[in-house]
C-alpha atoms as a PDB file:
ATOM      1  CA  MET A   1     -15.999  -4.983  -6.219  1.00  0.00           C
ATOM      2  CA  PRO A   2     -19.331  -6.627  -5.390  1.00  0.00           C
ATOM      3  CA  CYS A   3     -22.396  -4.643  -6.448  1.00  0.00           C
ATOM      4  CA  PRO A   4     -25.169  -3.562  -4.050  1.00  0.00           C
ATOM      5  CA  SER A   5     -27.387  -6.566  -4.749  1.00  0.00           C
ATOM      6  CA  ASP A   6     -24.424  -8.867  -4.015  1.00  0.00           C
ATOM      7  CA  ILE A   7     -23.787  -6.970  -0.783  1.00  0.00           C
ATOM      8  CA  GLU A   8     -27.468  -7.308   0.144  1.00  0.00           C
ATOM      9  CA  GLU A   9     -27.150 -11.088  -0.156  1.00  0.00           C
ATOM     10  CA  ILE A  10     -23.821 -11.163   1.689  1.00  0.00           C
ATOM     11  CA  TYR A  11     -25.281  -9.165   4.576  1.00  0.00           C
ATOM     12  CA  GLU A  12     -28.286 -11.491   4.776  1.00  0.00           C
ATOM     13  CA  VAL A  13     -25.925 -14.434   5.142  1.00  0.00           C
ATOM     14  CA  ILE A  14     -23.426 -12.855   7.553  1.00  0.00           C
ATOM     15  CA  THR A  15     -26.234 -11.411   9.688  1.00  0.00           C
ATOM     16  CA  ALA A  16     -27.773 -14.837  10.172  1.00  0.00           C
ATOM     17  CA  LEU A  17     -24.422 -16.527  10.769  1.00  0.00           C
ATOM     18  CA  GLU A  18     -23.157 -14.005  13.309  1.00  0.00           C
ATOM     19  CA  GLY A  19     -26.504 -14.059  15.103  1.00  0.00           C
ATOM     20  CA  ALA A  20     -26.184 -17.834  15.408  1.00  0.00           C
ATOM     21  CA  ALA A  21     -22.544 -17.558  16.519  1.00  0.00           C
ATOM     22  CA  ALA A  22     -23.393 -15.028  19.245  1.00  0.00           C
ATOM     23  CA  ALA A  23     -26.243 -17.204  20.518  1.00  0.00           C
ATOM     24  CA  ARG A  24     -23.990 -20.245  20.534  1.00  0.00           C
ATOM     25  CA  LEU A  25     -21.337 -18.394  22.559  1.00  0.00           C
ATOM     26  CA  ALA A  26     -23.945 -17.217  25.077  1.00  0.00           C
ATOM     27  CA  ARG A  27     -25.065 -20.825  25.621  1.00  0.00           C
ATOM     28  CA  LEU A  28     -21.586 -21.961  26.627  1.00  0.00           C
ATOM     29  CA  PRO A  29     -20.942 -22.483  30.321  1.00  0.00           C
ATOM     30  CA  MET A  30     -19.258 -19.379  31.791  1.00  0.00           C
ATOM     31  CA  GLU A  31     -15.933 -21.164  32.251  1.00  0.00           C
ATOM     32  CA  GLU A  32     -15.930 -21.894  28.507  1.00  0.00           C
ATOM     33  CA  ARG A  33     -16.394 -18.229  27.541  1.00  0.00           C
ATOM     34  CA  PRO A  34     -12.846 -16.796  27.489  1.00  0.00           C
ATOM     35  CA  VAL A  35     -13.948 -15.313  24.183  1.00  0.00           C
ATOM     36  CA  ILE A  36     -15.443 -12.428  26.151  1.00  0.00           C
ATOM     37  CA  GLN A  37     -11.979 -11.028  26.893  1.00  0.00           C
ATOM     38  CA  LEU A  38     -10.965 -11.348  23.220  1.00  0.00           C
ATOM     39  CA  LEU A  39     -14.116  -9.525  22.097  1.00  0.00           C
ATOM     40  CA  LYS A  40     -13.577  -6.800  24.700  1.00  0.00           C
ATOM     41  CA  ALA A  41      -9.963  -6.354  23.587  1.00  0.00           C
ATOM     42  CA  ALA A  42     -10.985  -5.986  19.925  1.00  0.00           C
ATOM     43  CA  THR A  43     -13.682  -3.484  20.883  1.00  0.00           C
ATOM     44  CA  LYS A  44     -11.249  -1.451  22.994  1.00  0.00           C
ATOM     45  CA  GLU A  45      -8.836  -1.364  20.057  1.00  0.00           C
ATOM     46  CA  MET A  46     -11.656  -0.004  17.878  1.00  0.00           C
ATOM     47  CA  VAL A  47     -12.342   2.777  20.391  1.00  0.00           C
ATOM     48  CA  ASP A  48      -8.639   3.621  20.600  1.00  0.00           C
ATOM     49  CA  ALA A  49      -8.310   3.655  16.804  1.00  0.00           C
ATOM     50  CA  LEU A  50     -11.257   6.038  16.439  1.00  0.00           C
ATOM     51  CA  ALA A  51      -9.765   8.312  19.102  1.00  0.00           C
ATOM     52  CA  ASP A  52      -6.640   8.462  16.918  1.00  0.00           C
ATOM     53  CA  SER A  53      -8.736   8.913  13.730  1.00  0.00           C
ATOM     54  CA  ASP A  54      -7.118   5.753  12.390  1.00  0.00           C
ATOM     55  CA  LEU A  55      -9.805   4.128  10.235  1.00  0.00           C
ATOM     56  CA  PRO A  56      -7.577   1.370   8.817  1.00  0.00           C
ATOM     57  CA  ARG A  57      -6.677   0.306  12.390  1.00  0.00           C
ATOM     58  CA  TRP A  58     -10.353   0.515  13.351  1.00  0.00           C
ATOM     59  CA  THR A  59     -11.209  -1.774  10.432  1.00  0.00           C
ATOM     60  CA  VAL A  60      -8.659  -4.394  11.505  1.00  0.00           C
ATOM     61  CA  ALA A  61      -9.992  -4.355  15.083  1.00  0.00           C
ATOM     62  CA  ASP A  62     -13.598  -4.539  13.868  1.00  0.00           C
ATOM     63  CA  GLU A  63     -12.811  -7.481  11.609  1.00  0.00           C
ATOM     64  CA  ASP A  64     -10.985  -9.125  14.511  1.00  0.00           C
ATOM     65  CA  PHE A  65     -14.147  -8.808  16.621  1.00  0.00           C
ATOM     66  CA  HIS A  66     -16.351 -10.373  13.950  1.00  0.00           C
ATOM     67  CA  GLN A  67     -13.887 -13.154  13.120  1.00  0.00           C
ATOM     68  CA  THR A  68     -13.495 -13.963  16.816  1.00  0.00           C
ATOM     69  CA  LEU A  69     -17.261 -14.123  17.226  1.00  0.00           C
ATOM     70  CA  VAL A  70     -17.543 -16.679  14.428  1.00  0.00           C
ATOM     71  CA  ILE A  71     -14.391 -18.702  15.087  1.00  0.00           C
ATOM     72  CA  GLU A  72     -14.914 -19.016  18.829  1.00  0.00           C
ATOM     73  CA  SER A  73     -18.472 -20.248  18.277  1.00  0.00           C
ATOM     74  CA  GLY A  74     -16.872 -23.618  17.650  1.00  0.00           C
ATOM     75  CA  ASN A  75     -19.177 -24.446  14.745  1.00  0.00           C
ATOM     76  CA  SER A  76     -16.944 -25.443  11.839  1.00  0.00           C
ATOM     77  CA  ARG A  77     -19.716 -25.251   9.242  1.00  0.00           C
ATOM     78  CA  LEU A  78     -20.689 -21.769  10.399  1.00  0.00           C
ATOM     79  CA  MET A  79     -17.009 -20.740  10.169  1.00  0.00           C
ATOM     80  CA  ARG A  80     -16.706 -22.081   6.618  1.00  0.00           C
ATOM     81  CA  MET A  81     -19.888 -20.376   5.465  1.00  0.00           C
ATOM     82  CA  ALA A  82     -18.830 -17.050   6.997  1.00  0.00           C
ATOM     83  CA  GLY A  83     -15.428 -17.424   5.388  1.00  0.00           C
ATOM     84  CA  THR A  84     -16.955 -17.691   1.921  1.00  0.00           C
ATOM     85  CA  VAL A  85     -18.410 -14.176   2.129  1.00  0.00           C
ATOM     86  CA  ALA A  86     -15.778 -12.509   4.339  1.00  0.00           C
ATOM     87  CA  ASP A  87     -13.502 -11.465   1.466  1.00  0.00           C
ATOM     88  CA  GLN A  88     -16.318  -9.910  -0.559  1.00  0.00           C
ATOM     89  CA  LEU A  89     -17.601  -8.053   2.475  1.00  0.00           C
ATOM     90  CA  HIS A  90     -14.089  -6.846   3.298  1.00  0.00           C
ATOM     91  CA  ARG A  91     -13.642  -5.410  -0.200  1.00  0.00           C
ATOM     92  CA  ALA A  92     -16.956  -3.549  -0.009  1.00  0.00           C
ATOM     93  CA  ARG A  93     -16.129  -2.168   3.433  1.00  0.00           C
ATOM     94  CA  MET A  94     -12.669  -1.032   2.305  1.00  0.00           C
ATOM     95  CA  PHE A  95     -14.177   0.596  -0.786  1.00  0.00           C
ATOM     96  CA  THR A  96     -16.490   2.713   1.406  1.00  0.00           C
ATOM     97  CA  LEU A  97     -14.191   3.195   4.405  1.00  0.00           C
ATOM     98  CA  ASN A  98     -13.356   6.832   3.710  1.00  0.00           C
ATOM     99  CA  LEU A  99     -16.808   7.642   2.317  1.00  0.00           C
ATOM    100  CA  ARG A 100     -18.820   6.714   5.386  1.00  0.00           C
ATOM    101  CA  PRO A 101     -19.328   8.721   8.548  1.00  0.00           C
ATOM    102  CA  LEU A 102     -17.176   7.687  11.480  1.00  0.00           C
ATOM    103  CA  PRO A 103     -18.557   4.448  12.968  1.00  0.00           C
ATOM    104  CA  LEU A 104     -19.155   5.985  16.388  1.00  0.00           C
ATOM    105  CA  HIS A 105     -21.878   3.545  17.460  1.00  0.00           C
ATOM    106  CA  SER A 106     -20.154   0.322  16.456  1.00  0.00           C
ATOM    107  CA  ALA A 107     -18.200  -0.187  19.687  1.00  0.00           C
ATOM    108  CA  GLY A 108     -21.360   0.364  21.742  1.00  0.00           C
ATOM    109  CA  GLU A 109     -23.176  -2.239  19.672  1.00  0.00           C
ATOM    110  CA  HIS A 110     -20.260  -4.629  20.180  1.00  0.00           C
ATOM    111  CA  ALA A 111     -20.525  -4.002  23.934  1.00  0.00           C
ATOM    112  CA  GLU A 112     -24.215  -5.000  23.796  1.00  0.00           C
ATOM    113  CA  ILE A 113     -23.310  -8.264  22.064  1.00  0.00           C
ATOM    114  CA  ILE A 114     -20.561  -8.940  24.613  1.00  0.00           C
ATOM    115  CA  ASP A 115     -22.865  -8.134  27.522  1.00  0.00           C
ATOM    116  CA  ALA A 116     -25.531 -10.545  26.269  1.00  0.00           C
ATOM    117  CA  ILE A 117     -22.950 -13.309  25.792  1.00  0.00           C
ATOM    118  CA  GLU A 118     -21.563 -12.625  29.258  1.00  0.00           C
ATOM    119  CA  ARG A 119     -25.069 -12.862  30.790  1.00  0.00           C
ATOM    120  CA  GLY A 120     -25.687 -16.112  28.916  1.00  0.00           C
ATOM    121  CA  ASP A 121     -28.683 -14.590  27.112  1.00  0.00           C
ATOM    122  CA  ALA A 122     -28.588 -16.358  23.747  1.00  0.00           C
ATOM    123  CA  GLU A 123     -31.645 -14.571  22.370  1.00  0.00           C
ATOM    124  CA  ALA A 124     -30.315 -11.107  23.244  1.00  0.00           C
ATOM    125  CA  ALA A 125     -26.847 -11.987  21.913  1.00  0.00           C
ATOM    126  CA  SER A 126     -28.298 -13.122  18.598  1.00  0.00           C
ATOM    127  CA  ARG A 127     -30.623 -10.117  18.354  1.00  0.00           C
ATOM    128  CA  SER A 128     -27.797  -7.663  19.161  1.00  0.00           C
ATOM    129  CA  ALA A 129     -25.451  -9.253  16.617  1.00  0.00           C
ATOM    130  CA  ARG A 130     -28.119  -9.198  13.902  1.00  0.00           C
ATOM    131  CA  LEU A 131     -29.085  -5.584  14.652  1.00  0.00           C
ATOM    132  CA  HIS A 132     -25.424  -4.552  14.545  1.00  0.00           C
ATOM    133  CA  ARG A 133     -25.010  -6.041  11.072  1.00  0.00           C
ATOM    134  CA  LYS A 134     -28.270  -4.414   9.953  1.00  0.00           C
ATOM    135  CA  HIS A 135     -26.922  -1.012  10.981  1.00  0.00           C
ATOM    136  CA  ALA A 136     -23.700  -1.672   9.045  1.00  0.00           C
ATOM    137  CA  HIS A 137     -25.738  -2.767   6.030  1.00  0.00           C
ATOM    138  CA  ASP A 138     -27.900   0.358   6.237  1.00  0.00           C
ATOM    139  CA  ALA A 139     -24.767   2.544   6.223  1.00  0.00           C
ATOM    140  CA  LEU A 140     -22.958   0.689   3.436  1.00  0.00           C
ATOM    141  CA  ILE A 141     -25.626   0.161   0.773  1.00  0.00           C
ATOM    142  CA  PRO A 142     -26.483   3.863   0.217  1.00  0.00           C
ATOM    143  CA  LEU A 143     -22.762   4.632  -0.156  1.00  0.00           C
ATOM    144  CA  LEU A 144     -22.392   1.928  -2.804  1.00  0.00           C
ATOM    145  CA  LEU A 145     -25.488   3.133  -4.639  1.00  0.00           C
ATOM    146  CA  ASP A 146     -24.308   6.751  -4.574  1.00  0.00           C
ATOM    147  CA  THR A 147     -20.879   5.726  -5.834  1.00  0.00           C
ATOM    148  CA  ILE A 148     -22.303   3.612  -8.651  1.00  0.00           C
ATOM    149  CA  TYR A 149     -24.636   6.468  -9.584  1.00  0.00           C
ATOM    150  CA  ALA A 150     -21.688   8.887  -9.687  1.00  0.00           C
ATOM    151  CA  ILE A 151     -19.647   6.461 -11.801  1.00  0.00           C
ATOM    152  CA  SER A 152     -22.529   5.953 -14.224  1.00  0.00           C
ATOM    153  CA  ARG A 153     -23.078   9.725 -14.549  1.00  0.00           C
ATOM    154  CA  PHE A 154     -19.365  10.240 -15.150  1.00  0.00           C
ATOM    155  CA  SER A 155     -19.338   7.371 -17.631  1.00  0.00           C
ATOM    156  CA  ALA A 156     -22.362   8.760 -19.480  1.00  0.00           C
ATOM    157  CA  ALA A 157     -20.661  12.166 -19.709  1.00  0.00           C
ATOM    158  CA  ALA A 158     -17.453  10.534 -20.907  1.00  0.00           C
ATOM    159  CA  ILE A 159     -19.357   8.541 -23.522  1.00  0.00           C
ATOM    160  CA  CYS A 160     -21.073  11.677 -24.786  1.00  0.00           C
ATOM    161  CA  THR A 161     -17.849  13.673 -25.009  1.00  0.00           C
ATOM    162  CA  THR A 162     -15.409  11.030 -26.182  1.00  0.00           C
ATOM    163  CA  ARG A 163     -17.757   8.525 -27.852  1.00  0.00           C
ATOM    164  CA  ARG A 164     -15.935   5.728 -26.057  1.00  0.00           C
ATOM    165  CA  LEU A 165     -17.792   2.955 -24.321  1.00  0.00           C
ATOM    166  CA  LEU A 166     -16.788   2.603 -20.705  1.00  0.00           C
ATOM    167  CA  VAL A 167     -17.342  -0.608 -18.781  1.00  0.00           C
ATOM    168  CA  LEU A 168     -19.616  -0.147 -15.762  1.00  0.00           C
ATOM    169  CA  PRO A 169     -19.384  -2.352 -12.662  1.00  0.00           C
ATOM    170  CA  ARG A 170     -21.110  -5.717 -12.951  1.00  0.00           C
ATOM    171  CA  CYS A 171     -22.577  -8.101 -10.398  1.00  0.00           C
ATOM    172  CA  ALA A 172     -21.379 -11.663  -9.966  1.00  0.00           C
ATOM    173  CA  ASN A 173     -24.258 -12.786 -12.213  1.00  0.00           C
ATOM    174  CA  GLY A 174     -23.021 -10.520 -15.050  1.00  0.00           C
ATOM    175  CA  ASN A 175     -25.844  -7.974 -14.798  1.00  0.00           C
ATOM    176  CA  PRO A 176     -25.076  -4.253 -14.556  1.00  0.00           C
ATOM    177  CA  ALA A 177     -24.499  -3.014 -11.008  1.00  0.00           C
ATOM    178  CA  THR A 178     -27.895  -1.504 -10.248  1.00  0.00           C
ATOM    179  CA  MET A 179     -30.366  -1.919  -7.467  1.00  0.00           C
ATOM    180  CA  THR A 180     -33.944  -0.881  -6.912  1.00  0.00           C
ATOM    181  CA  MET A 181     -34.907   0.478  -3.535  1.00  0.00           C
END
């Protein structure tokens, strides 16, 4: 499980990449934007999944939206870079899936991205995609911090009562999983 500082870095990267992908899609000639229907279909599936209170299905549809955005941009380097962080981001999102409030605004934010792409407004598409990822980041990081805090408190109590050393989560760089706000 990536730690909060790892997730901070991952979100910086994915935010920039998806902003670039959305802008690139908006710059395509309209006849080359069949991606709009794919993005709309993924967003509709998210709405339907939330209506059924099916968070795992919502997650699949949400990931489909974001993967489509990147893949259909047609930029192979952007796709490769996004792919390098996708697995880590997926694990963090799955870890917090049942801890977070229902993602009620996500589909609306997706609709804003789609609308900007459909209008051919590259700047608005990029801005909407980046803002959407910022909102996701702002929801995820506090959950990770709270969970790590709870684990460390539990671990400290366990150490005091059992005198056993428990291993706390670590970042990719080997440092303990902490983060200053």
